[in-house]
């Protein structure tokens, strides 16, 4: 049976831990608000840009730009898998889920894969294992800017256009709510194209009422338009994924720290009750010893 001194020391240790988790929860909540505002502002532009460019790209010859050219995938085809994780832990299953999804994709693809690791936790996990790493980006979430997405996008586009890889896939956590994050596996390159041959509308259109009868007039020519828009589209897509992951991290951390605070309160209550029982038992034993000594006299 532990002594009262040990129990008091343990209760004090749990209380100190509870203060730390409370502080981390408050910090995560304040950062989540700013991160959530950024992603809510970025989503409409990124979503509309993806919809329009996918529709336009479906009506032009894929050879008009190398980022549109789909390649036949075989056993020797190479894939670049960009995995976005957090810089820190204490965030529940946030990092574990995205790392598991990325590793599962690499194993199930059964083709040679190179990794692009964004975030310290992904580098720590894959760096200790026999994965081929093309690039690493660590520490960018402390001050996340669009230039970070441009750097990652340029590496991905250079690897794809040079023929080093035949496909680029992006794996990240999507922010859905404070208590919900979803792991997303997106094909980044070649840029997906809308299926206009079947006449399927982009959003809610009836079959047969799609875009196969619709075309665009280009000014200037499509080559110049795509040279400007497609690289920017890749950068915006990556920037959105980084913002989603950043907001999801703070949401996961806030939820995890809230759970830790509640668990520590339960532990303090349980330890205090047990400590009182031990103290009461000690007092009762001392009283019995005094009474027994008095009767013996």
C-alpha atoms as a PDB file:
ATOM      1  CA  UNK A   1       0.000   0.000   0.000  1.00  0.00           C
ATOM      2  CA  UNK A   2       1.482   3.407  -0.978  1.00  0.00           C
ATOM      3  CA  UNK A   3       2.135   5.874   1.798  1.00  0.00           C
ATOM      4  CA  UNK A   4       0.327   9.180   2.208  1.00  0.00           C
ATOM      5  CA  UNK A   5       3.431  11.048   1.094  1.00  0.00           C
ATOM      6  CA  UNK A   6       3.529   9.048  -2.163  1.00  0.00           C
ATOM      7  CA  UNK A   7      -0.180   9.658  -2.767  1.00  0.00           C
ATOM      8  CA  UNK A   8       0.135  13.400  -2.124  1.00  0.00           C
ATOM      9  CA  UNK A   9       3.105  13.557  -4.478  1.00  0.00           C
ATOM     10  CA  UNK A  10       1.136  11.730  -7.149  1.00  0.00           C
ATOM     11  CA  UNK A  11      -1.891  14.001  -6.802  1.00  0.00           C
ATOM     12  CA  UNK A  12       0.370  17.060  -7.057  1.00  0.00           C
ATOM     13  CA  UNK A  13       2.004  15.614 -10.191  1.00  0.00           C
ATOM     14  CA  UNK A  14      -1.372  15.010 -11.845  1.00  0.00           C
ATOM     15  CA  UNK A  15      -2.497  18.544 -10.994  1.00  0.00           C
ATOM     16  CA  UNK A  16       0.642  19.976 -12.591  1.00  0.00           C
ATOM     17  CA  UNK A  17       0.009  17.894 -15.713  1.00  0.00           C
ATOM     18  CA  UNK A  18      -3.585  19.114 -15.770  1.00  0.00           C
ATOM     19  CA  UNK A  19      -2.432  22.727 -15.753  1.00  0.00           C
ATOM     20  CA  UNK A  20      -0.192  22.007 -18.739  1.00  0.00           C
ATOM     21  CA  UNK A  21      -2.962  20.298 -20.709  1.00  0.00           C
ATOM     22  CA  UNK A  22      -5.349  23.173 -19.928  1.00  0.00           C
ATOM     23  CA  UNK A  23      -2.819  25.674 -21.247  1.00  0.00           C
ATOM     24  CA  UNK A  24      -2.227  23.587 -24.388  1.00  0.00           C
ATOM     25  CA  UNK A  25      -5.970  23.351 -24.964  1.00  0.00           C
ATOM     26  CA  UNK A  26      -6.366  27.135 -24.748  1.00  0.00           C
ATOM     27  CA  UNK A  27      -3.425  27.747 -27.091  1.00  0.00           C
ATOM     28  CA  UNK A  28      -4.761  25.207 -29.603  1.00  0.00           C
ATOM     29  CA  UNK A  29      -8.233  26.788 -29.448  1.00  0.00           C
ATOM     30  CA  UNK A  30      -6.871  30.263 -30.190  1.00  0.00           C
ATOM     31  CA  UNK A  31      -4.733  29.000 -33.079  1.00  0.00           C
ATOM     32  CA  UNK A  32      -7.600  26.899 -34.423  1.00  0.00           C
ATOM     33  CA  UNK A  33      -9.779  29.962 -34.814  1.00  0.00           C
ATOM     34  CA  UNK A  34      -7.243  31.705 -37.047  1.00  0.00           C
ATOM     35  CA  UNK A  35      -6.495  28.519 -38.990  1.00  0.00           C
ATOM     36  CA  UNK A  36     -10.199  27.871 -39.495  1.00  0.00           C
ATOM     37  CA  UNK A  37     -10.747  31.367 -40.855  1.00  0.00           C
ATOM     38  CA  UNK A  38      -7.903  30.883 -43.348  1.00  0.00           C
ATOM     39  CA  UNK A  39      -9.216  27.584 -44.668  1.00  0.00           C
ATOM     40  CA  UNK A  40     -12.793  28.843 -44.916  1.00  0.00           C
ATOM     41  CA  UNK A  41     -11.552  31.787 -46.989  1.00  0.00           C
ATOM     42  CA  UNK A  42      -9.395  29.575 -49.230  1.00  0.00           C
ATOM     43  CA  UNK A  43     -11.880  26.772 -49.915  1.00  0.00           C
ATOM     44  CA  UNK A  44     -14.300  28.565 -52.298  1.00  0.00           C
ATOM     45  CA  UNK A  45     -11.504  29.798 -54.576  1.00  0.00           C
ATOM     46  CA  UNK A  46      -9.672  26.456 -54.608  1.00  0.00           C
ATOM     47  CA  UNK A  47     -12.856  24.448 -55.214  1.00  0.00           C
ATOM     48  CA  UNK A  48     -14.098  26.676 -58.029  1.00  0.00           C
ATOM     49  CA  UNK A  49     -10.662  26.785 -59.645  1.00  0.00           C
ATOM     50  CA  UNK A  50     -10.463  22.994 -59.599  1.00  0.00           C
ATOM     51  CA  UNK A  51     -13.950  22.625 -61.089  1.00  0.00           C
ATOM     52  CA  UNK A  52     -13.379  25.112 -63.895  1.00  0.00           C
ATOM     53  CA  UNK A  53      -9.896  23.921 -64.849  1.00  0.00           C
ATOM     54  CA  UNK A  54     -10.915  20.251 -64.790  1.00  0.00           C
ATOM     55  CA  UNK A  55     -13.797  21.064 -67.104  1.00  0.00           C
ATOM     56  CA  UNK A  56     -11.657  23.169 -69.446  1.00  0.00           C
ATOM     57  CA  UNK A  57      -8.851  20.618 -69.493  1.00  0.00           C
ATOM     58  CA  UNK A  58     -11.270  17.926 -70.623  1.00  0.00           C
ATOM     59  CA  UNK A  59     -11.945  19.792 -73.880  1.00  0.00           C
ATOM     60  CA  UNK A  60      -8.398  20.274 -75.051  1.00  0.00           C
ATOM     61  CA  UNK A  61      -5.767  17.925 -76.343  1.00  0.00           C
ATOM     62  CA  UNK A  62      -3.798  16.610 -73.314  1.00  0.00           C
ATOM     63  CA  UNK A  63      -0.589  17.235 -75.208  1.00  0.00           C
ATOM     64  CA  UNK A  64      -1.215  20.983 -74.989  1.00  0.00           C
ATOM     65  CA  UNK A  65       0.506  20.957 -71.606  1.00  0.00           C
ATOM     66  CA  UNK A  66       2.699  18.331 -69.901  1.00  0.00           C
ATOM     67  CA  UNK A  67       0.778  18.595 -66.616  1.00  0.00           C
ATOM     68  CA  UNK A  68      -2.329  17.232 -68.400  1.00  0.00           C
ATOM     69  CA  UNK A  69      -0.658  14.252 -70.046  1.00  0.00           C
ATOM     70  CA  UNK A  70      -1.743  10.996 -68.456  1.00  0.00           C
ATOM     71  CA  UNK A  71       0.761   8.159 -68.693  1.00  0.00           C
ATOM     72  CA  UNK A  72       0.148   4.453 -68.843  1.00  0.00           C
ATOM     73  CA  UNK A  73       0.852   3.034 -65.417  1.00  0.00           C
ATOM     74  CA  UNK A  74       2.708  -0.256 -65.231  1.00  0.00           C
ATOM     75  CA  UNK A  75       4.842  -2.212 -62.792  1.00  0.00           C
ATOM     76  CA  UNK A  76       7.771   0.126 -63.417  1.00  0.00           C
ATOM     77  CA  UNK A  77       5.797   3.349 -63.109  1.00  0.00           C
ATOM     78  CA  UNK A  78       6.916   5.627 -60.310  1.00  0.00           C
ATOM     79  CA  UNK A  79       4.646   7.591 -57.994  1.00  0.00           C
ATOM     80  CA  UNK A  80       5.470  10.559 -55.798  1.00  0.00           C
ATOM     81  CA  UNK A  81       3.396  10.438 -52.599  1.00  0.00           C
ATOM     82  CA  UNK A  82       3.347  13.732 -50.682  1.00  0.00           C
ATOM     83  CA  UNK A  83       2.338  13.060 -47.072  1.00  0.00           C
ATOM     84  CA  UNK A  84       1.372  16.030 -44.885  1.00  0.00           C
ATOM     85  CA  UNK A  85       1.705  15.443 -41.140  1.00  0.00           C
ATOM     86  CA  UNK A  86       2.003  17.656 -38.072  1.00  0.00           C
ATOM     87  CA  UNK A  87       5.096  19.132 -36.482  1.00  0.00           C
ATOM     88  CA  UNK A  88       4.180  17.974 -32.973  1.00  0.00           C
ATOM     89  CA  UNK A  89       2.350  15.202 -31.179  1.00  0.00           C
ATOM     90  CA  UNK A  90      -0.251  15.252 -28.378  1.00  0.00           C
ATOM     91  CA  UNK A  91      -3.013  15.415 -30.992  1.00  0.00           C
ATOM     92  CA  UNK A  92      -4.755  12.067 -30.751  1.00  0.00           C
ATOM     93  CA  UNK A  93      -4.722   9.990 -33.920  1.00  0.00           C
ATOM     94  CA  UNK A  94      -4.037  12.933 -36.259  1.00  0.00           C
ATOM     95  CA  UNK A  95      -0.527  11.908 -37.296  1.00  0.00           C
ATOM     96  CA  UNK A  96      -1.121   8.179 -37.001  1.00  0.00           C
ATOM     97  CA  UNK A  97      -4.095   8.242 -39.373  1.00  0.00           C
ATOM     98  CA  UNK A  98      -2.367  10.121 -42.181  1.00  0.00           C
ATOM     99  CA  UNK A  99       0.872   8.136 -41.817  1.00  0.00           C
ATOM    100  CA  UNK A 100      -1.081   4.883 -41.952  1.00  0.00           C
ATOM    101  CA  UNK A 101      -2.980   6.039 -45.046  1.00  0.00           C
ATOM    102  CA  UNK A 102       0.248   7.058 -46.798  1.00  0.00           C
ATOM    103  CA  UNK A 103       2.069   3.834 -45.917  1.00  0.00           C
ATOM    104  CA  UNK A 104      -0.941   1.758 -46.974  1.00  0.00           C
ATOM    105  CA  UNK A 105      -1.081   3.527 -50.336  1.00  0.00           C
ATOM    106  CA  UNK A 106       2.622   2.888 -50.933  1.00  0.00           C
ATOM    107  CA  UNK A 107       2.288  -0.809 -50.072  1.00  0.00           C
ATOM    108  CA  UNK A 108      -0.914  -1.417 -52.024  1.00  0.00           C
ATOM    109  CA  UNK A 109       0.249   0.448 -55.146  1.00  0.00           C
ATOM    110  CA  UNK A 110       2.881  -2.273 -55.732  1.00  0.00           C
ATOM    111  CA  UNK A 111       4.893   0.161 -57.827  1.00  0.00           C
ATOM    112  CA  UNK A 112       8.060   2.088 -56.943  1.00  0.00           C
ATOM    113  CA  UNK A 113       7.142   5.107 -54.819  1.00  0.00           C
ATOM    114  CA  UNK A 114       9.048   8.142 -53.681  1.00  0.00           C
ATOM    115  CA  UNK A 115       7.916  10.174 -50.701  1.00  0.00           C
ATOM    116  CA  UNK A 116       7.618  13.888 -50.137  1.00  0.00           C
ATOM    117  CA  UNK A 117       7.418  14.444 -46.385  1.00  0.00           C
ATOM    118  CA  UNK A 118       5.832  17.626 -45.043  1.00  0.00           C
ATOM    119  CA  UNK A 119       5.943  17.840 -41.265  1.00  0.00           C
ATOM    120  CA  UNK A 120       8.299  16.571 -38.588  1.00  0.00           C
ATOM    121  CA  UNK A 121       6.239  13.545 -37.543  1.00  0.00           C
ATOM    122  CA  UNK A 122       6.167  12.105 -41.046  1.00  0.00           C
ATOM    123  CA  UNK A 123       9.919  12.525 -41.366  1.00  0.00           C
ATOM    124  CA  UNK A 124      10.506  10.812 -38.030  1.00  0.00           C
ATOM    125  CA  UNK A 125       8.354   7.830 -39.007  1.00  0.00           C
ATOM    126  CA  UNK A 126       9.417   7.238 -42.596  1.00  0.00           C
ATOM    127  CA  UNK A 127      13.016   8.299 -41.999  1.00  0.00           C
ATOM    128  CA  UNK A 128      13.574   5.256 -39.781  1.00  0.00           C
ATOM    129  CA  UNK A 129      12.236   2.876 -42.410  1.00  0.00           C
ATOM    130  CA  UNK A 130      13.341   1.829 -45.857  1.00  0.00           C
ATOM    131  CA  UNK A 131      11.298   4.356 -47.844  1.00  0.00           C
ATOM    132  CA  UNK A 132      12.787   6.390 -50.662  1.00  0.00           C
ATOM    133  CA  UNK A 133      12.408  10.079 -49.778  1.00  0.00           C
ATOM    134  CA  UNK A 134      12.586  12.703 -52.533  1.00  0.00           C
ATOM    135  CA  UNK A 135      12.259  15.824 -50.367  1.00  0.00           C
ATOM    136  CA  UNK A 136      11.409  17.016 -46.854  1.00  0.00           C
ATOM    137  CA  UNK A 137       9.733  20.185 -45.618  1.00  0.00           C
ATOM    138  CA  UNK A 138       9.907  20.640 -41.846  1.00  0.00           C
ATOM    139  CA  UNK A 139       8.913  23.633 -39.734  1.00  0.00           C
ATOM    140  CA  UNK A 140       6.694  25.339 -42.319  1.00  0.00           C
ATOM    141  CA  UNK A 141       3.554  25.302 -40.152  1.00  0.00           C
ATOM    142  CA  UNK A 142       5.025  27.769 -37.680  1.00  0.00           C
ATOM    143  CA  UNK A 143       4.488  30.470 -40.274  1.00  0.00           C
ATOM    144  CA  UNK A 144       2.589  28.954 -43.175  1.00  0.00           C
ATOM    145  CA  UNK A 145       2.633  31.025 -46.388  1.00  0.00           C
ATOM    146  CA  UNK A 146       1.790  30.504 -50.036  1.00  0.00           C
ATOM    147  CA  UNK A 147       5.509  30.403 -50.819  1.00  0.00           C
ATOM    148  CA  UNK A 148       5.717  27.088 -48.959  1.00  0.00           C
ATOM    149  CA  UNK A 149       3.105  25.622 -51.297  1.00  0.00           C
ATOM    150  CA  UNK A 150       4.947  27.057 -54.314  1.00  0.00           C
ATOM    151  CA  UNK A 151       8.163  25.335 -53.238  1.00  0.00           C
ATOM    152  CA  UNK A 152       6.466  21.957 -52.817  1.00  0.00           C
ATOM    153  CA  UNK A 153       4.502  22.380 -56.036  1.00  0.00           C
ATOM    154  CA  UNK A 154       7.608  23.230 -58.034  1.00  0.00           C
ATOM    155  CA  UNK A 155       9.373  20.096 -56.801  1.00  0.00           C
ATOM    156  CA  UNK A 156       6.354  17.958 -57.728  1.00  0.00           C
ATOM    157  CA  UNK A 157       5.950  19.536 -61.172  1.00  0.00           C
ATOM    158  CA  UNK A 158       9.663  19.230 -61.963  1.00  0.00           C
ATOM    159  CA  UNK A 159       9.635  15.540 -60.997  1.00  0.00           C
ATOM    160  CA  UNK A 160       6.544  14.896 -63.136  1.00  0.00           C
ATOM    161  CA  UNK A 161       7.544  16.853 -66.247  1.00  0.00           C
ATOM    162  CA  UNK A 162      11.068  15.417 -66.222  1.00  0.00           C
ATOM    163  CA  UNK A 163       9.681  11.878 -66.233  1.00  0.00           C
ATOM    164  CA  UNK A 164      11.156  10.935 -62.853  1.00  0.00           C
ATOM    165  CA  UNK A 165       7.633  10.087 -61.661  1.00  0.00           C
ATOM    166  CA  UNK A 166       4.477   9.231 -63.594  1.00  0.00           C
ATOM    167  CA  UNK A 167       1.964  10.307 -60.973  1.00  0.00           C
ATOM    168  CA  UNK A 168       1.828  12.566 -57.929  1.00  0.00           C
ATOM    169  CA  UNK A 169      -0.528  11.842 -55.021  1.00  0.00           C
ATOM    170  CA  UNK A 170      -1.283  14.074 -52.051  1.00  0.00           C
ATOM    171  CA  UNK A 171      -2.206  12.585 -48.648  1.00  0.00           C
ATOM    172  CA  UNK A 172      -3.409  14.914 -45.890  1.00  0.00           C
ATOM    173  CA  UNK A 173      -6.014  15.448 -43.160  1.00  0.00           C
ATOM    174  CA  UNK A 174      -9.041  17.469 -44.210  1.00  0.00           C
ATOM    175  CA  UNK A 175     -10.633  19.697 -41.584  1.00  0.00           C
ATOM    176  CA  UNK A 176     -14.351  18.975 -41.290  1.00  0.00           C
ATOM    177  CA  UNK A 177     -15.190  20.139 -37.774  1.00  0.00           C
ATOM    178  CA  UNK A 178     -13.571  20.559 -34.388  1.00  0.00           C
ATOM    179  CA  UNK A 179     -14.144  16.894 -33.560  1.00  0.00           C
ATOM    180  CA  UNK A 180     -13.839  15.423 -37.058  1.00  0.00           C
ATOM    181  CA  UNK A 181     -10.959  15.160 -39.536  1.00  0.00           C
ATOM    182  CA  UNK A 182     -10.894  13.038 -42.683  1.00  0.00           C
ATOM    183  CA  UNK A 183      -7.828  11.573 -44.377  1.00  0.00           C
ATOM    184  CA  UNK A 184      -7.832  12.482 -48.085  1.00  0.00           C
ATOM    185  CA  UNK A 185      -5.816  10.821 -50.860  1.00  0.00           C
ATOM    186  CA  UNK A 186      -5.901  13.090 -53.933  1.00  0.00           C
ATOM    187  CA  UNK A 187      -4.285  12.693 -57.319  1.00  0.00           C
ATOM    188  CA  UNK A 188      -2.341  15.875 -57.918  1.00  0.00           C
ATOM    189  CA  UNK A 189      -0.648  15.076 -61.250  1.00  0.00           C
ATOM    190  CA  UNK A 190      -1.594  14.535 -63.981  1.00  0.00           C
ATOM    191  CA  UNK A 191      -4.411  16.994 -63.389  1.00  0.00           C
ATOM    192  CA  UNK A 192      -7.731  15.074 -63.349  1.00  0.00           C
ATOM    193  CA  UNK A 193     -10.060  15.860 -66.239  1.00  0.00           C
ATOM    194  CA  UNK A 194     -13.867  15.872 -66.301  1.00  0.00           C
ATOM    195  CA  UNK A 195     -15.512  12.991 -68.146  1.00  0.00           C
ATOM    196  CA  UNK A 196     -17.183  14.928 -70.937  1.00  0.00           C
ATOM    197  CA  UNK A 197     -17.492  11.990 -73.325  1.00  0.00           C
ATOM    198  CA  UNK A 198     -20.318  10.519 -71.240  1.00  0.00           C
ATOM    199  CA  UNK A 199     -22.076  13.870 -70.967  1.00  0.00           C
ATOM    200  CA  UNK A 200     -21.961  13.947 -67.196  1.00  0.00           C
ATOM    201  CA  UNK A 201     -22.425  17.325 -65.574  1.00  0.00           C
ATOM    202  CA  UNK A 202     -20.026  18.551 -62.925  1.00  0.00           C
ATOM    203  CA  UNK A 203     -22.530  19.203 -60.154  1.00  0.00           C
ATOM    204  CA  UNK A 204     -26.025  17.850 -60.093  1.00  0.00           C
ATOM    205  CA  UNK A 205     -26.578  17.960 -63.836  1.00  0.00           C
ATOM    206  CA  UNK A 206     -28.813  15.433 -65.502  1.00  0.00           C
ATOM    207  CA  UNK A 207     -27.226  12.745 -67.701  1.00  0.00           C
ATOM    208  CA  UNK A 208     -27.034  13.891 -71.273  1.00  0.00           C
ATOM    209  CA  UNK A 209     -27.047  17.526 -70.201  1.00  0.00           C
ATOM    210  CA  UNK A 210     -23.319  17.774 -69.630  1.00  0.00           C
ATOM    211  CA  UNK A 211     -20.531  19.640 -71.343  1.00  0.00           C
ATOM    212  CA  UNK A 212     -19.909  17.511 -74.442  1.00  0.00           C
ATOM    213  CA  UNK A 213     -21.698  20.094 -76.605  1.00  0.00           C
ATOM    214  CA  UNK A 214     -19.986  23.039 -74.932  1.00  0.00           C
ATOM    215  CA  UNK A 215     -16.598  24.473 -75.775  1.00  0.00           C
ATOM    216  CA  UNK A 216     -14.653  27.625 -74.988  1.00  0.00           C
ATOM    217  CA  UNK A 217     -13.155  30.409 -77.043  1.00  0.00           C
ATOM    218  CA  UNK A 218      -9.578  31.041 -75.921  1.00  0.00           C
ATOM    219  CA  UNK A 219      -7.868  34.394 -75.949  1.00  0.00           C
ATOM    220  CA  UNK A 220      -4.922  34.071 -76.044  1.00  0.00           C
ATOM    221  CA  UNK A 221      -4.416  30.484 -77.267  1.00  0.00           C
ATOM    222  CA  UNK A 222      -4.857  27.550 -74.839  1.00  0.00           C
ATOM    223  CA  UNK A 223      -1.091  26.992 -74.594  1.00  0.00           C
ATOM    224  CA  UNK A 224      -0.457  30.377 -72.985  1.00  0.00           C
ATOM    225  CA  UNK A 225      -3.492  30.098 -70.719  1.00  0.00           C
ATOM    226  CA  UNK A 226      -2.493  26.702 -69.385  1.00  0.00           C
ATOM    227  CA  UNK A 227       1.129  27.748 -68.969  1.00  0.00           C
ATOM    228  CA  UNK A 228      -0.085  30.358 -66.487  1.00  0.00           C
ATOM    229  CA  UNK A 229      -3.052  28.637 -64.839  1.00  0.00           C
ATOM    230  CA  UNK A 230      -2.037  25.008 -64.406  1.00  0.00           C
ATOM    231  CA  UNK A 231       1.098  25.615 -62.280  1.00  0.00           C
ATOM    232  CA  UNK A 232      -0.896  28.079 -60.185  1.00  0.00           C
ATOM    233  CA  UNK A 233      -3.669  25.476 -59.827  1.00  0.00           C
ATOM    234  CA  UNK A 234      -1.176  22.929 -58.447  1.00  0.00           C
ATOM    235  CA  UNK A 235       0.177  25.487 -55.975  1.00  0.00           C
ATOM    236  CA  UNK A 236      -3.326  26.465 -54.819  1.00  0.00           C
ATOM    237  CA  UNK A 237      -4.276  22.812 -54.412  1.00  0.00           C
ATOM    238  CA  UNK A 238      -1.226  22.164 -52.240  1.00  0.00           C
ATOM    239  CA  UNK A 239      -1.757  25.366 -50.249  1.00  0.00           C
ATOM    240  CA  UNK A 240      -5.311  24.332 -49.504  1.00  0.00           C
ATOM    241  CA  UNK A 241      -4.096  20.899 -48.324  1.00  0.00           C
ATOM    242  CA  UNK A 242      -1.579  22.585 -46.018  1.00  0.00           C
ATOM    243  CA  UNK A 243      -4.256  24.874 -44.584  1.00  0.00           C
ATOM    244  CA  UNK A 244      -6.633  21.945 -44.123  1.00  0.00           C
ATOM    245  CA  UNK A 245      -3.960  19.948 -42.330  1.00  0.00           C
ATOM    246  CA  UNK A 246      -2.990  22.892 -40.127  1.00  0.00           C
ATOM    247  CA  UNK A 247      -6.575  23.513 -39.009  1.00  0.00           C
ATOM    248  CA  UNK A 248      -7.185  19.788 -38.501  1.00  0.00           C
ATOM    249  CA  UNK A 249      -4.061  19.541 -36.332  1.00  0.00           C
ATOM    250  CA  UNK A 250      -5.174  22.263 -33.927  1.00  0.00           C
ATOM    251  CA  UNK A 251      -8.676  20.792 -33.777  1.00  0.00           C
ATOM    252  CA  UNK A 252      -7.276  17.344 -32.980  1.00  0.00           C
ATOM    253  CA  UNK A 253      -4.896  18.780 -30.391  1.00  0.00           C
ATOM    254  CA  UNK A 254      -7.630  20.786 -28.696  1.00  0.00           C
ATOM    255  CA  UNK A 255      -9.874  17.715 -28.524  1.00  0.00           C
ATOM    256  CA  UNK A 256      -7.046  15.544 -27.187  1.00  0.00           C
ATOM    257  CA  UNK A 257      -6.094  18.094 -24.521  1.00  0.00           C
ATOM    258  CA  UNK A 258      -9.740  18.497 -23.479  1.00  0.00           C
ATOM    259  CA  UNK A 259      -9.938  14.728 -22.996  1.00  0.00           C
ATOM    260  CA  UNK A 260      -6.682  14.803 -21.044  1.00  0.00           C
ATOM    261  CA  UNK A 261      -8.028  17.509 -18.718  1.00  0.00           C
ATOM    262  CA  UNK A 262     -11.169  15.475 -18.014  1.00  0.00           C
ATOM    263  CA  UNK A 263      -9.176  12.297 -17.427  1.00  0.00           C
ATOM    264  CA  UNK A 264      -6.811  14.076 -15.061  1.00  0.00           C
ATOM    265  CA  UNK A 265      -9.784  15.422 -13.072  1.00  0.00           C
ATOM    266  CA  UNK A 266     -11.145  11.897 -12.732  1.00  0.00           C
ATOM    267  CA  UNK A 267      -7.722  10.628 -11.670  1.00  0.00           C
ATOM    268  CA  UNK A 268      -7.348  13.391  -9.070  1.00  0.00           C
ATOM    269  CA  UNK A 269     -10.765  12.565  -7.626  1.00  0.00           C
ATOM    270  CA  UNK A 270      -9.941   8.854  -7.517  1.00  0.00           C
ATOM    271  CA  UNK A 271      -6.531   9.408  -5.909  1.00  0.00           C
ATOM    272  CA  UNK A 272      -7.958  11.846  -3.373  1.00  0.00           C
ATOM    273  CA  UNK A 273     -10.632   9.354  -2.357  1.00  0.00           C
ATOM    274  CA  UNK A 274      -8.066   6.588  -1.996  1.00  0.00           C
ATOM    275  CA  UNK A 275      -5.734   8.895  -0.057  1.00  0.00           C
ATOM    276  CA  UNK A 276      -8.533   9.765   2.370  1.00  0.00           C
ATOM    277  CA  UNK A 277      -9.247   6.084   2.899  1.00  0.00           C
ATOM    278  CA  UNK A 278      -5.588   5.378   3.631  1.00  0.00           C
ATOM    279  CA  UNK A 279      -5.397   8.313   6.026  1.00  0.00           C
ATOM    280  CA  UNK A 280      -8.595   7.246   7.781  1.00  0.00           C
ATOM    281  CA  UNK A 281      -7.266   3.709   8.104  1.00  0.00           C
ATOM    282  CA  UNK A 282      -4.037   5.047   9.610  1.00  0.00           C
ATOM    283  CA  UNK A 283      -5.942   7.211  12.104  1.00  0.00           C
ATOM    284  CA  UNK A 284      -8.193   4.308  13.084  1.00  0.00           C
ATOM    285  CA  UNK A 285      -5.170   2.059  13.575  1.00  0.00           C
ATOM    286  CA  UNK A 286      -3.471   4.647  15.799  1.00  0.00           C
ATOM    287  CA  UNK A 287      -6.625   5.068  17.910  1.00  0.00           C
ATOM    288  CA  UNK A 288      -6.872   1.293  18.352  1.00  0.00           C
ATOM    289  CA  UNK A 289      -3.205   1.179  19.428  1.00  0.00           C
ATOM    290  CA  UNK A 290      -3.768   3.973  21.986  1.00  0.00           C
ATOM    291  CA  UNK A 291      -6.890   2.324  23.374  1.00  0.00           C
ATOM    292  CA  UNK A 292      -5.190  -1.063  23.553  1.00  0.00           C
ATOM    293  CA  UNK A 293      -2.210   0.475  25.372  1.00  0.00           C
ATOM    294  CA  UNK A 294      -4.501   2.235  27.854  1.00  0.00           C
ATOM    295  CA  UNK A 295      -6.385  -0.992  28.590  1.00  0.00           C
ATOM    296  CA  UNK A 296      -3.107  -2.848  29.088  1.00  0.00           C
ATOM    297  CA  UNK A 297      -2.103  -0.317  31.737  1.00  0.00           C
END
